[in-house]
Amino acid sequence: SVRGFAVARPHLVFVLRPRDSEATHGPAGSRGRQPFVDATRRRLVLADVTTLLRERDGSIQVLMPCPPDLEPSDADAGLAWVERLRSSLEESLAPESLSVVAGVGRTPGTETTPFAAMREATRAADIAASMGSASPAALHFARLGALRLIFHLADNPELCAFQRDVLGPLESSDASRRSEFVRTLEAFLRAGGNHMRAARDLNVHRNTLI
């Protein structure tokens, strides 16, 4: 261990940051950033006094021993734990309406170094921040799937061309016929392919959606 920090223990690696990076930059941003940093420090020290954290580019990078009731290899449990922390952090910042997102990296071990896990957590947090407020505010790198590739290619012209080829006909129909194909597809995908849930979210009958 180093200064009471047990290096050999399994650790949870995650990043907390405001959804809007502009909220913590500039003269006004520095005032908004400090309550976020202070509240995060307090909550993490309460969770485990040996937690290591640092502020970087408006985000808080965290390396903390796994809570006793958390299985280190259970990505979903780790994500749920960080989500509870993120949610309680947002509540503690009230009445400031600062939207906080989180990214979780894989547990450091034989296949993943702490540095690599922190890079994963940072990438997951950036992806969470880039998505709409209706999307999950906390993401685990191990559960990103193709988003890992899509986010990396966000400004690639070939990806834009692919988007036009796939969604172009739907967008053209919506523009010329006032249809809602793109909105319907978005609801269907957000519902994970569940017709009933997508129909309910769109406030239409299941047969109408189909």
N, C-alpha and C. Protein backbone atom coordinates (compact mmCIF):
# COMPACT_ATOMS: atom_id res chain seq x y z
N SER A 1 0.84 -1.19 0.00
CA SER A 1 0.00 0.00 0.00
C SER A 1 0.87 1.24 0.00
N VAL A 2 0.31 2.37 -0.46
CA VAL A 2 1.01 3.65 -0.50
C VAL A 2 0.18 4.66 0.28
N ARG A 3 0.72 5.15 1.42
CA ARG A 3 0.01 6.10 2.27
C ARG A 3 -1.40 5.61 2.60
N GLY A 4 -1.47 4.35 2.95
CA GLY A 4 -2.77 3.78 3.33
C GLY A 4 -3.59 3.31 2.15
N PHE A 5 -3.08 3.47 0.93
CA PHE A 5 -3.83 3.04 -0.26
C PHE A 5 -3.42 1.63 -0.62
N ALA A 6 -4.37 0.70 -0.55
CA ALA A 6 -4.08 -0.72 -0.79
C ALA A 6 -4.07 -1.00 -2.29
N VAL A 7 -2.89 -1.01 -2.88
CA VAL A 7 -2.76 -1.18 -4.33
C VAL A 7 -3.26 -2.54 -4.78
N ALA A 8 -3.08 -3.58 -3.95
CA ALA A 8 -3.43 -4.93 -4.35
C ALA A 8 -4.94 -5.19 -4.34
N ARG A 9 -5.74 -4.33 -3.70
CA ARG A 9 -7.18 -4.55 -3.64
C ARG A 9 -7.83 -4.26 -4.99
N PRO A 10 -8.94 -4.93 -5.30
CA PRO A 10 -9.67 -4.60 -6.53
C PRO A 10 -10.20 -3.16 -6.44
N HIS A 11 -10.17 -2.46 -7.56
CA HIS A 11 -10.57 -1.05 -7.54
C HIS A 11 -11.65 -0.74 -8.57
N LEU A 12 -12.40 0.27 -8.25
CA LEU A 12 -13.43 0.81 -9.13
C LEU A 12 -12.85 2.07 -9.75
N VAL A 13 -12.87 2.14 -11.08
CA VAL A 13 -12.31 3.28 -11.79
C VAL A 13 -13.44 3.97 -12.55
N PHE A 14 -13.64 5.26 -12.26
CA PHE A 14 -14.72 5.98 -12.95
C PHE A 14 -14.41 7.46 -13.03
N VAL A 15 -15.17 8.14 -13.88
CA VAL A 15 -15.02 9.58 -14.11
C VAL A 15 -16.38 10.23 -13.96
N LEU A 16 -16.42 11.34 -13.25
CA LEU A 16 -17.63 12.15 -13.11
C LEU A 16 -17.36 13.50 -13.75
N ARG A 17 -18.32 14.00 -14.54
CA ARG A 17 -18.14 15.29 -15.19
C ARG A 17 -19.49 15.91 -15.51
N PRO A 18 -19.55 17.24 -15.62
CA PRO A 18 -20.79 17.88 -16.05
C PRO A 18 -21.12 17.46 -17.48
N ARG A 19 -22.40 17.30 -17.78
CA ARG A 19 -22.78 16.94 -19.15
C ARG A 19 -22.33 18.02 -20.12
N ASP A 20 -22.52 19.28 -19.74
CA ASP A 20 -22.13 20.41 -20.58
C ASP A 20 -20.77 20.90 -20.11
N SER A 21 -19.74 20.68 -20.91
CA SER A 21 -18.39 21.08 -20.51
C SER A 21 -18.27 22.58 -20.35
N GLU A 22 -19.12 23.36 -21.05
CA GLU A 22 -19.06 24.81 -20.94
C GLU A 22 -19.46 25.28 -19.55
N ALA A 23 -20.19 24.42 -18.81
CA ALA A 23 -20.67 24.81 -17.48
C ALA A 23 -19.54 24.99 -16.48
N THR A 24 -18.38 24.42 -16.76
CA THR A 24 -17.27 24.51 -15.80
C THR A 24 -16.03 25.15 -16.41
N HIS A 25 -16.21 25.95 -17.47
CA HIS A 25 -15.08 26.65 -18.07
C HIS A 25 -15.38 28.14 -18.13
N GLY A 26 -14.32 28.95 -18.20
CA GLY A 26 -14.49 30.38 -18.22
C GLY A 26 -14.71 30.94 -16.83
N PRO A 27 -14.82 32.29 -16.71
CA PRO A 27 -14.98 32.95 -15.42
C PRO A 27 -16.18 32.43 -14.63
N ALA A 28 -17.35 32.33 -15.30
CA ALA A 28 -18.54 31.84 -14.61
C ALA A 28 -18.41 30.35 -14.32
N GLY A 29 -17.73 29.64 -15.23
CA GLY A 29 -17.58 28.20 -15.06
C GLY A 29 -16.75 27.83 -13.85
N SER A 30 -15.73 28.64 -13.55
CA SER A 30 -14.88 28.33 -12.39
C SER A 30 -15.68 28.39 -11.10
N ARG A 31 -16.66 29.30 -11.05
CA ARG A 31 -17.52 29.37 -9.87
C ARG A 31 -18.44 28.16 -9.80
N GLY A 32 -18.94 27.71 -10.96
CA GLY A 32 -19.82 26.56 -10.99
C GLY A 32 -19.09 25.26 -10.77
N ARG A 33 -17.78 25.24 -11.11
CA ARG A 33 -17.00 24.01 -11.00
C ARG A 33 -16.68 23.67 -9.55
N GLN A 34 -16.38 24.68 -8.73
CA GLN A 34 -15.92 24.41 -7.37
C GLN A 34 -16.94 23.66 -6.51
N PRO A 35 -18.24 24.05 -6.52
CA PRO A 35 -19.21 23.27 -5.74
C PRO A 35 -19.28 21.82 -6.20
N PHE A 36 -19.16 21.59 -7.52
CA PHE A 36 -19.17 20.23 -8.06
C PHE A 36 -17.96 19.45 -7.55
N VAL A 37 -16.78 20.06 -7.59
CA VAL A 37 -15.56 19.40 -7.13
C VAL A 37 -15.64 19.12 -5.63
N ASP A 38 -16.07 20.12 -4.85
CA ASP A 38 -16.13 19.96 -3.39
C ASP A 38 -17.13 18.87 -2.99
N ALA A 39 -18.31 18.89 -3.62
CA ALA A 39 -19.34 17.89 -3.29
C ALA A 39 -18.86 16.49 -3.66
N THR A 40 -18.16 16.37 -4.79
CA THR A 40 -17.65 15.06 -5.21
C THR A 40 -16.61 14.55 -4.22
N ARG A 41 -15.71 15.41 -3.81
CA ARG A 41 -14.68 15.01 -2.83
C ARG A 41 -15.31 14.53 -1.53
N ARG A 42 -16.30 15.27 -1.03
CA ARG A 42 -16.95 14.89 0.24
C ARG A 42 -17.58 13.52 0.14
N ARG A 43 -18.30 13.27 -0.94
CA ARG A 43 -19.01 12.00 -1.08
C ARG A 43 -18.04 10.83 -1.26
N LEU A 44 -16.96 11.05 -1.96
CA LEU A 44 -16.00 9.97 -2.18
C LEU A 44 -15.21 9.66 -0.92
N VAL A 45 -14.89 10.67 -0.12
CA VAL A 45 -14.19 10.43 1.14
C VAL A 45 -15.10 9.66 2.09
N LEU A 46 -16.39 9.98 2.09
CA LEU A 46 -17.34 9.25 2.92
C LEU A 46 -17.44 7.79 2.47
N ALA A 47 -17.36 7.57 1.15
CA ALA A 47 -17.45 6.20 0.62
C ALA A 47 -16.23 5.38 1.01
N ASP A 48 -15.04 5.96 0.90
CA ASP A 48 -13.81 5.27 1.28
C ASP A 48 -12.71 6.32 1.41
N VAL A 49 -12.18 6.45 2.60
CA VAL A 49 -11.20 7.51 2.87
C VAL A 49 -9.92 7.33 2.07
N THR A 50 -9.64 6.11 1.56
CA THR A 50 -8.41 5.87 0.81
C THR A 50 -8.57 6.13 -0.69
N THR A 51 -9.73 6.63 -1.10
CA THR A 51 -9.98 6.91 -2.51
C THR A 51 -8.99 7.93 -3.06
N LEU A 52 -8.48 7.67 -4.26
CA LEU A 52 -7.62 8.62 -4.96
C LEU A 52 -8.45 9.32 -6.04
N LEU A 53 -8.32 10.63 -6.13
CA LEU A 53 -9.03 11.35 -7.18
C LEU A 53 -8.25 12.57 -7.61
N ARG A 54 -8.49 12.98 -8.84
CA ARG A 54 -7.86 14.20 -9.33
C ARG A 54 -8.81 14.89 -10.29
N GLU A 55 -8.69 16.20 -10.32
CA GLU A 55 -9.50 17.00 -11.24
C GLU A 55 -8.71 17.21 -12.52
N ARG A 56 -9.37 16.98 -13.64
CA ARG A 56 -8.69 17.17 -14.93
C ARG A 56 -9.70 17.59 -15.98
N ASP A 57 -9.46 18.74 -16.61
CA ASP A 57 -10.31 19.24 -17.69
C ASP A 57 -11.78 19.31 -17.27
N GLY A 58 -12.02 19.73 -16.03
CA GLY A 58 -13.40 19.89 -15.57
C GLY A 58 -14.07 18.61 -15.10
N SER A 59 -13.34 17.48 -15.15
CA SER A 59 -13.91 16.21 -14.70
C SER A 59 -13.15 15.73 -13.47
N ILE A 60 -13.74 14.77 -12.76
CA ILE A 60 -13.11 14.17 -11.59
C ILE A 60 -12.80 12.71 -11.92
N GLN A 61 -11.52 12.36 -11.92
CA GLN A 61 -11.09 10.98 -12.16
C GLN A 61 -10.91 10.28 -10.82
N VAL A 62 -11.50 9.09 -10.70
CA VAL A 62 -11.56 8.42 -9.40
C VAL A 62 -11.01 7.00 -9.48
N LEU A 63 -10.18 6.67 -8.52
CA LEU A 63 -9.67 5.30 -8.34
C LEU A 63 -9.93 4.95 -6.88
N MET A 64 -10.91 4.08 -6.63
CA MET A 64 -11.25 3.76 -5.25
C MET A 64 -11.40 2.26 -5.05
N PRO A 65 -11.06 1.78 -3.85
CA PRO A 65 -11.24 0.35 -3.57
C PRO A 65 -12.71 -0.04 -3.75
N CYS A 66 -12.95 -1.20 -4.32
CA CYS A 66 -14.34 -1.65 -4.52
C CYS A 66 -15.04 -1.74 -3.16
N PRO A 67 -16.28 -1.24 -3.09
CA PRO A 67 -17.05 -1.41 -1.85
C PRO A 67 -17.15 -2.88 -1.49
N PRO A 68 -17.22 -3.21 -0.19
CA PRO A 68 -17.22 -4.62 0.26
C PRO A 68 -18.32 -5.47 -0.35
N ASP A 69 -19.48 -4.84 -0.62
CA ASP A 69 -20.61 -5.61 -1.15
C ASP A 69 -20.64 -5.66 -2.67
N LEU A 70 -19.56 -5.24 -3.31
CA LEU A 70 -19.52 -5.16 -4.77
C LEU A 70 -18.54 -6.19 -5.32
N GLU A 71 -19.02 -7.03 -6.25
CA GLU A 71 -18.16 -8.00 -6.92
C GLU A 71 -17.37 -7.27 -8.01
N PRO A 72 -16.04 -7.23 -7.91
CA PRO A 72 -15.23 -6.44 -8.85
C PRO A 72 -15.47 -6.76 -10.32
N SER A 73 -15.75 -8.03 -10.64
CA SER A 73 -15.92 -8.42 -12.05
C SER A 73 -17.33 -8.17 -12.58
N ASP A 74 -18.25 -7.72 -11.71
CA ASP A 74 -19.64 -7.49 -12.12
C ASP A 74 -19.78 -6.06 -12.63
N ALA A 75 -19.70 -5.90 -13.95
CA ALA A 75 -19.76 -4.56 -14.56
C ALA A 75 -21.09 -3.88 -14.28
N ASP A 76 -22.19 -4.61 -14.33
CA ASP A 76 -23.50 -4.01 -14.10
C ASP A 76 -23.65 -3.51 -12.66
N ALA A 77 -23.13 -4.27 -11.71
CA ALA A 77 -23.20 -3.86 -10.30
C ALA A 77 -22.34 -2.62 -10.08
N GLY A 78 -21.16 -2.59 -10.70
CA GLY A 78 -20.29 -1.42 -10.58
C GLY A 78 -20.94 -0.19 -11.17
N LEU A 79 -21.57 -0.36 -12.32
CA LEU A 79 -22.26 0.75 -12.97
C LEU A 79 -23.41 1.25 -12.10
N ALA A 80 -24.17 0.34 -11.50
CA ALA A 80 -25.29 0.72 -10.64
C ALA A 80 -24.80 1.50 -9.42
N TRP A 81 -23.65 1.10 -8.86
CA TRP A 81 -23.10 1.79 -7.71
C TRP A 81 -22.71 3.22 -8.07
N VAL A 82 -22.03 3.37 -9.21
CA VAL A 82 -21.60 4.70 -9.65
C VAL A 82 -22.82 5.55 -10.01
N GLU A 83 -23.84 4.95 -10.59
CA GLU A 83 -25.06 5.70 -10.93
C GLU A 83 -25.72 6.26 -9.68
N ARG A 84 -25.76 5.47 -8.60
CA ARG A 84 -26.35 5.96 -7.35
C ARG A 84 -25.53 7.14 -6.81
N LEU A 85 -24.21 7.03 -6.90
CA LEU A 85 -23.35 8.12 -6.47
C LEU A 85 -23.59 9.36 -7.32
N ARG A 86 -23.66 9.17 -8.64
CA ARG A 86 -23.87 10.29 -9.56
C ARG A 86 -25.20 10.99 -9.27
N SER A 87 -26.25 10.20 -9.08
CA SER A 87 -27.58 10.75 -8.83
C SER A 87 -27.62 11.53 -7.51
N SER A 88 -27.01 10.97 -6.47
CA SER A 88 -27.01 11.66 -5.18
C SER A 88 -26.17 12.93 -5.24
N LEU A 89 -25.13 12.92 -6.07
CA LEU A 89 -24.29 14.10 -6.25
C LEU A 89 -25.09 15.22 -6.90
N GLU A 90 -25.86 14.90 -7.93
CA GLU A 90 -26.72 15.89 -8.57
C GLU A 90 -27.70 16.50 -7.57
N GLU A 91 -28.30 15.65 -6.76
CA GLU A 91 -29.27 16.13 -5.77
C GLU A 91 -28.61 17.05 -4.75
N SER A 92 -27.38 16.75 -4.37
CA SER A 92 -26.68 17.56 -3.36
C SER A 92 -26.31 18.94 -3.91
N LEU A 93 -26.25 19.08 -5.23
CA LEU A 93 -25.88 20.35 -5.84
C LEU A 93 -27.06 21.30 -5.99
N ALA A 94 -28.28 20.81 -5.72
CA ALA A 94 -29.47 21.66 -5.81
C ALA A 94 -29.31 22.85 -4.84
N PRO A 95 -29.82 24.04 -5.21
CA PRO A 95 -30.72 24.30 -6.34
C PRO A 95 -30.03 24.48 -7.68
N GLU A 96 -28.69 24.34 -7.73
CA GLU A 96 -28.02 24.41 -9.02
C GLU A 96 -28.45 23.22 -9.88
N SER A 97 -28.85 23.48 -11.10
CA SER A 97 -29.31 22.39 -11.98
C SER A 97 -28.17 21.93 -12.88
N LEU A 98 -27.12 21.38 -12.25
CA LEU A 98 -25.96 20.89 -12.99
C LEU A 98 -26.17 19.41 -13.31
N SER A 99 -26.20 19.10 -14.60
CA SER A 99 -26.37 17.71 -15.02
C SER A 99 -25.01 17.02 -15.02
N VAL A 100 -24.90 15.94 -14.27
CA VAL A 100 -23.64 15.21 -14.12
C VAL A 100 -23.75 13.86 -14.82
N VAL A 101 -22.70 13.48 -15.55
CA VAL A 101 -22.64 12.17 -16.19
C VAL A 101 -21.44 11.41 -15.62
N ALA A 102 -21.45 10.09 -15.84
CA ALA A 102 -20.36 9.26 -15.32
C ALA A 102 -19.96 8.21 -16.34
N GLY A 103 -18.69 7.87 -16.31
CA GLY A 103 -18.17 6.79 -17.14
C GLY A 103 -17.37 5.84 -16.25
N VAL A 104 -17.54 4.54 -16.47
CA VAL A 104 -16.86 3.53 -15.64
C VAL A 104 -15.95 2.69 -16.52
N GLY A 105 -14.73 2.47 -16.06
CA GLY A 105 -13.79 1.62 -16.78
C GLY A 105 -13.81 0.21 -16.22
N ARG A 106 -13.17 -0.70 -16.91
CA ARG A 106 -13.08 -2.08 -16.41
C ARG A 106 -12.16 -2.15 -15.20
N THR A 107 -12.40 -3.13 -14.34
CA THR A 107 -11.61 -3.27 -13.12
C THR A 107 -10.15 -3.58 -13.48
N PRO A 108 -9.20 -2.79 -12.98
CA PRO A 108 -7.79 -3.08 -13.27
C PRO A 108 -7.40 -4.47 -12.77
N GLY A 109 -6.58 -5.12 -13.57
CA GLY A 109 -6.13 -6.48 -13.22
C GLY A 109 -5.04 -6.91 -14.16
N THR A 110 -4.99 -8.21 -14.44
CA THR A 110 -3.93 -8.73 -15.30
C THR A 110 -4.07 -8.25 -16.75
N GLU A 111 -5.32 -7.96 -17.18
CA GLU A 111 -5.54 -7.57 -18.58
C GLU A 111 -5.73 -6.07 -18.75
N THR A 112 -5.99 -5.33 -17.68
CA THR A 112 -6.26 -3.90 -17.77
C THR A 112 -5.49 -3.16 -16.68
N THR A 113 -4.64 -2.21 -17.08
CA THR A 113 -3.91 -1.41 -16.10
C THR A 113 -4.81 -0.29 -15.59
N PRO A 114 -4.50 0.29 -14.43
CA PRO A 114 -5.28 1.43 -13.95
C PRO A 114 -5.33 2.57 -14.96
N PHE A 115 -4.21 2.82 -15.65
CA PHE A 115 -4.17 3.88 -16.64
C PHE A 115 -5.13 3.59 -17.78
N ALA A 116 -5.14 2.34 -18.28
CA ALA A 116 -6.05 1.96 -19.36
C ALA A 116 -7.50 2.04 -18.90
N ALA A 117 -7.76 1.62 -17.66
CA ALA A 117 -9.12 1.67 -17.13
C ALA A 117 -9.61 3.11 -17.03
N MET A 118 -8.71 4.04 -16.67
CA MET A 118 -9.09 5.44 -16.58
C MET A 118 -9.39 6.01 -17.97
N ARG A 119 -8.64 5.60 -18.95
CA ARG A 119 -8.93 6.02 -20.33
C ARG A 119 -10.30 5.52 -20.76
N GLU A 120 -10.62 4.28 -20.40
CA GLU A 120 -11.93 3.73 -20.73
C GLU A 120 -13.04 4.52 -20.05
N ALA A 121 -12.84 4.83 -18.77
CA ALA A 121 -13.85 5.58 -18.02
C ALA A 121 -14.05 6.97 -18.62
N THR A 122 -12.95 7.61 -19.02
CA THR A 122 -13.04 8.93 -19.64
C THR A 122 -13.81 8.87 -20.95
N ARG A 123 -13.54 7.84 -21.75
CA ARG A 123 -14.25 7.68 -23.02
C ARG A 123 -15.74 7.46 -22.78
N ALA A 124 -16.07 6.61 -21.80
CA ALA A 124 -17.48 6.34 -21.49
C ALA A 124 -18.19 7.60 -21.01
N ALA A 125 -17.51 8.41 -20.19
CA ALA A 125 -18.10 9.66 -19.70
C ALA A 125 -18.32 10.64 -20.85
N ASP A 126 -17.37 10.72 -21.77
CA ASP A 126 -17.51 11.61 -22.92
C ASP A 126 -18.70 11.20 -23.79
N ILE A 127 -18.87 9.89 -23.97
CA ILE A 127 -19.99 9.40 -24.76
C ILE A 127 -21.31 9.71 -24.06
N ALA A 128 -21.36 9.51 -22.74
CA ALA A 128 -22.57 9.83 -21.97
C ALA A 128 -22.91 11.31 -22.10
N ALA A 129 -21.88 12.17 -22.07
CA ALA A 129 -22.11 13.62 -22.17
C ALA A 129 -22.60 14.03 -23.54
N SER A 130 -22.23 13.25 -24.57
CA SER A 130 -22.61 13.61 -25.94
C SER A 130 -24.03 13.18 -26.29
N MET A 131 -24.62 12.31 -25.47
CA MET A 131 -25.96 11.80 -25.74
C MET A 131 -27.02 12.69 -25.10
N GLY A 132 -28.25 12.57 -25.55
CA GLY A 132 -29.33 13.39 -25.05
C GLY A 132 -29.66 13.09 -23.61
N SER A 133 -30.41 14.01 -22.99
CA SER A 133 -30.76 13.86 -21.58
C SER A 133 -31.66 12.66 -21.32
N ALA A 134 -32.32 12.15 -22.39
CA ALA A 134 -33.17 10.97 -22.22
C ALA A 134 -32.36 9.68 -22.17
N SER A 135 -31.07 9.76 -22.51
CA SER A 135 -30.20 8.58 -22.49
C SER A 135 -29.61 8.39 -21.10
N PRO A 136 -29.07 7.19 -20.82
CA PRO A 136 -28.46 6.94 -19.50
C PRO A 136 -27.35 7.95 -19.21
N ALA A 137 -27.30 8.43 -17.97
CA ALA A 137 -26.29 9.41 -17.57
C ALA A 137 -25.01 8.75 -17.11
N ALA A 138 -25.02 7.43 -16.94
CA ALA A 138 -23.83 6.69 -16.55
C ALA A 138 -23.65 5.50 -17.49
N LEU A 139 -22.44 5.34 -18.01
CA LEU A 139 -22.16 4.27 -18.95
C LEU A 139 -20.91 3.51 -18.52
N HIS A 140 -20.92 2.19 -18.75
CA HIS A 140 -19.75 1.36 -18.46
C HIS A 140 -19.08 1.03 -19.78
N PHE A 141 -17.77 1.18 -19.84
CA PHE A 141 -17.03 0.94 -21.08
C PHE A 141 -17.29 -0.46 -21.63
N ALA A 142 -17.41 -1.44 -20.73
CA ALA A 142 -17.61 -2.83 -21.16
C ALA A 142 -18.97 -3.05 -21.80
N ARG A 143 -19.90 -2.09 -21.64
CA ARG A 143 -21.24 -2.23 -22.19
C ARG A 143 -21.51 -1.26 -23.35
N LEU A 144 -20.47 -0.62 -23.86
CA LEU A 144 -20.66 0.37 -24.92
C LEU A 144 -20.92 -0.25 -26.29
N GLY A 145 -20.38 -1.44 -26.52
CA GLY A 145 -20.56 -2.08 -27.81
C GLY A 145 -20.03 -1.23 -28.95
N ALA A 146 -20.84 -1.11 -30.01
CA ALA A 146 -20.41 -0.37 -31.21
C ALA A 146 -20.26 1.12 -30.97
N LEU A 147 -20.82 1.63 -29.86
CA LEU A 147 -20.66 3.06 -29.56
C LEU A 147 -19.19 3.44 -29.44
N ARG A 148 -18.35 2.50 -29.01
CA ARG A 148 -16.92 2.77 -28.91
C ARG A 148 -16.35 3.16 -30.27
N LEU A 149 -16.82 2.50 -31.32
CA LEU A 149 -16.32 2.78 -32.67
C LEU A 149 -16.99 4.02 -33.25
N ILE A 150 -18.31 4.11 -33.06
CA ILE A 150 -19.06 5.23 -33.64
C ILE A 150 -18.60 6.56 -33.07
N PHE A 151 -18.38 6.61 -31.75
CA PHE A 151 -17.94 7.85 -31.12
C PHE A 151 -16.59 8.27 -31.65
N HIS A 152 -15.71 7.30 -31.84
CA HIS A 152 -14.37 7.59 -32.36
C HIS A 152 -14.43 8.14 -33.78
N LEU A 153 -15.45 7.70 -34.54
CA LEU A 153 -15.58 8.11 -35.94
C LEU A 153 -16.57 9.25 -36.14
N ALA A 154 -16.94 9.93 -35.05
CA ALA A 154 -18.02 10.91 -35.11
C ALA A 154 -17.83 11.95 -36.20
N ASP A 155 -16.60 12.39 -36.45
CA ASP A 155 -16.36 13.44 -37.45
C ASP A 155 -15.83 12.88 -38.77
N ASN A 156 -15.92 11.57 -38.92
CA ASN A 156 -15.41 10.94 -40.14
C ASN A 156 -16.41 11.14 -41.29
N PRO A 157 -15.99 11.68 -42.43
CA PRO A 157 -16.90 11.91 -43.56
C PRO A 157 -17.61 10.64 -44.03
N GLU A 158 -16.92 9.48 -43.94
CA GLU A 158 -17.52 8.24 -44.38
C GLU A 158 -18.71 7.86 -43.51
N LEU A 159 -18.62 8.15 -42.21
CA LEU A 159 -19.74 7.87 -41.31
C LEU A 159 -20.94 8.76 -41.65
N CYS A 160 -20.66 10.01 -42.00
CA CYS A 160 -21.74 10.93 -42.40
C CYS A 160 -22.41 10.43 -43.68
N ALA A 161 -21.60 9.92 -44.62
CA ALA A 161 -22.15 9.40 -45.87
C ALA A 161 -23.01 8.16 -45.60
N PHE A 162 -22.55 7.32 -44.71
CA PHE A 162 -23.31 6.12 -44.32
C PHE A 162 -24.65 6.52 -43.69
N GLN A 163 -24.61 7.53 -42.83
CA GLN A 163 -25.84 8.01 -42.19
C GLN A 163 -26.83 8.51 -43.23
N ARG A 164 -26.33 9.23 -44.23
CA ARG A 164 -27.22 9.75 -45.29
C ARG A 164 -27.82 8.61 -46.10
N ASP A 165 -27.02 7.58 -46.39
CA ASP A 165 -27.52 6.45 -47.16
C ASP A 165 -28.61 5.70 -46.41
N VAL A 166 -28.42 5.51 -45.10
CA VAL A 166 -29.36 4.72 -44.31
C VAL A 166 -30.61 5.51 -43.93
N LEU A 167 -30.41 6.73 -43.45
CA LEU A 167 -31.53 7.52 -42.93
C LEU A 167 -32.06 8.56 -43.92
N GLY A 168 -31.32 8.78 -45.00
CA GLY A 168 -31.73 9.79 -45.97
C GLY A 168 -33.16 9.64 -46.47
N PRO A 169 -33.58 8.44 -46.91
CA PRO A 169 -34.96 8.27 -47.39
C PRO A 169 -36.00 8.58 -46.32
N LEU A 170 -35.71 8.21 -45.06
CA LEU A 170 -36.65 8.51 -43.98
C LEU A 170 -36.73 10.01 -43.73
N GLU A 171 -35.59 10.67 -43.73
CA GLU A 171 -35.57 12.11 -43.50
C GLU A 171 -36.27 12.86 -44.63
N SER A 172 -36.07 12.38 -45.86
CA SER A 172 -36.74 13.02 -47.00
C SER A 172 -38.24 12.87 -46.90
N SER A 173 -38.70 11.69 -46.51
CA SER A 173 -40.14 11.45 -46.36
C SER A 173 -40.71 12.33 -45.26
N ASP A 174 -40.01 12.42 -44.14
CA ASP A 174 -40.50 13.25 -43.03
C ASP A 174 -40.61 14.71 -43.45
N ALA A 175 -39.66 15.16 -44.27
CA ALA A 175 -39.66 16.56 -44.69
C ALA A 175 -40.76 16.86 -45.70
N SER A 176 -41.00 15.92 -46.62
CA SER A 176 -41.96 16.19 -47.70
C SER A 176 -43.39 15.77 -47.36
N ARG A 177 -43.55 14.72 -46.53
CA ARG A 177 -44.89 14.18 -46.26
C ARG A 177 -45.32 14.37 -44.80
N ARG A 178 -44.47 15.05 -44.02
CA ARG A 178 -44.77 15.27 -42.60
C ARG A 178 -44.97 13.94 -41.84
N SER A 179 -44.27 12.91 -42.29
CA SER A 179 -44.30 11.64 -41.57
C SER A 179 -43.35 11.74 -40.37
N GLU A 180 -43.32 10.68 -39.56
CA GLU A 180 -42.47 10.71 -38.36
C GLU A 180 -41.64 9.43 -38.27
N PHE A 181 -41.06 9.04 -39.41
CA PHE A 181 -40.29 7.80 -39.44
C PHE A 181 -39.04 7.86 -38.56
N VAL A 182 -38.31 8.99 -38.61
CA VAL A 182 -37.08 9.10 -37.83
C VAL A 182 -37.40 9.08 -36.34
N ARG A 183 -38.43 9.82 -35.94
CA ARG A 183 -38.83 9.84 -34.53
C ARG A 183 -39.29 8.45 -34.07
N THR A 184 -40.00 7.74 -34.94
CA THR A 184 -40.46 6.39 -34.61
C THR A 184 -39.29 5.43 -34.47
N LEU A 185 -38.35 5.51 -35.40
CA LEU A 185 -37.16 4.64 -35.34
C LEU A 185 -36.36 4.92 -34.08
N GLU A 186 -36.21 6.19 -33.73
CA GLU A 186 -35.45 6.56 -32.53
C GLU A 186 -36.12 5.96 -31.28
N ALA A 187 -37.44 6.06 -31.21
CA ALA A 187 -38.16 5.51 -30.05
C ALA A 187 -38.03 3.99 -30.01
N PHE A 188 -38.08 3.34 -31.17
CA PHE A 188 -37.96 1.88 -31.25
C PHE A 188 -36.59 1.43 -30.77
N LEU A 189 -35.54 2.14 -31.19
CA LEU A 189 -34.19 1.77 -30.79
C LEU A 189 -33.97 2.06 -29.31
N ARG A 190 -34.51 3.19 -28.83
CA ARG A 190 -34.36 3.53 -27.42
C ARG A 190 -35.05 2.49 -26.54
N ALA A 191 -36.12 1.90 -27.05
CA ALA A 191 -36.86 0.87 -26.30
C ALA A 191 -36.23 -0.50 -26.45
N GLY A 192 -35.09 -0.57 -27.10
CA GLY A 192 -34.40 -1.85 -27.26
C GLY A 192 -35.15 -2.82 -28.14
N GLY A 193 -35.94 -2.30 -29.11
CA GLY A 193 -36.69 -3.17 -30.01
C GLY A 193 -38.00 -3.66 -29.42
N ASN A 194 -38.39 -3.14 -28.28
CA ASN A 194 -39.65 -3.54 -27.65
C ASN A 194 -40.79 -2.70 -28.24
N HIS A 195 -41.65 -3.35 -29.06
CA HIS A 195 -42.73 -2.61 -29.73
C HIS A 195 -43.69 -1.96 -28.75
N MET A 196 -44.04 -2.70 -27.70
CA MET A 196 -45.03 -2.18 -26.75
C MET A 196 -44.50 -0.93 -26.04
N ARG A 197 -43.24 -0.99 -25.60
CA ARG A 197 -42.68 0.16 -24.90
C ARG A 197 -42.50 1.35 -25.83
N ALA A 198 -42.05 1.08 -27.06
CA ALA A 198 -41.88 2.17 -28.02
C ALA A 198 -43.21 2.82 -28.35
N ALA A 199 -44.26 2.02 -28.53
CA ALA A 199 -45.59 2.56 -28.81
C ALA A 199 -46.08 3.41 -27.64
N ARG A 200 -45.84 2.93 -26.44
CA ARG A 200 -46.26 3.68 -25.25
C ARG A 200 -45.51 5.02 -25.17
N ASP A 201 -44.21 5.00 -25.46
CA ASP A 201 -43.43 6.24 -25.42
C ASP A 201 -43.89 7.23 -26.48
N LEU A 202 -44.34 6.70 -27.62
CA LEU A 202 -44.82 7.56 -28.70
C LEU A 202 -46.30 7.93 -28.56
N ASN A 203 -46.96 7.30 -27.57
CA ASN A 203 -48.38 7.54 -27.33
C ASN A 203 -49.22 7.14 -28.55
N VAL A 204 -48.89 5.98 -29.15
CA VAL A 204 -49.66 5.44 -30.27
C VAL A 204 -49.95 3.96 -29.99
N HIS A 205 -50.87 3.38 -30.76
CA HIS A 205 -51.17 1.96 -30.60
C HIS A 205 -50.03 1.14 -31.21
N ARG A 206 -49.81 -0.05 -30.67
CA ARG A 206 -48.73 -0.92 -31.16
C ARG A 206 -48.85 -1.18 -32.64
N ASN A 207 -50.07 -1.42 -33.12
CA ASN A 207 -50.27 -1.69 -34.55
C ASN A 207 -49.92 -0.48 -35.40
N THR A 208 -50.16 0.71 -34.89
CA THR A 208 -49.80 1.94 -35.61
C THR A 208 -48.30 2.02 -35.76
N LEU A 209 -47.57 1.69 -34.68
CA LEU A 209 -46.11 1.74 -34.75
C LEU A 209 -45.59 0.73 -35.75
N ILE A 210 -46.13 -0.50 -35.71
CA ILE A 210 -45.67 -1.54 -36.62
C ILE A 210 -45.95 -1.16 -38.08
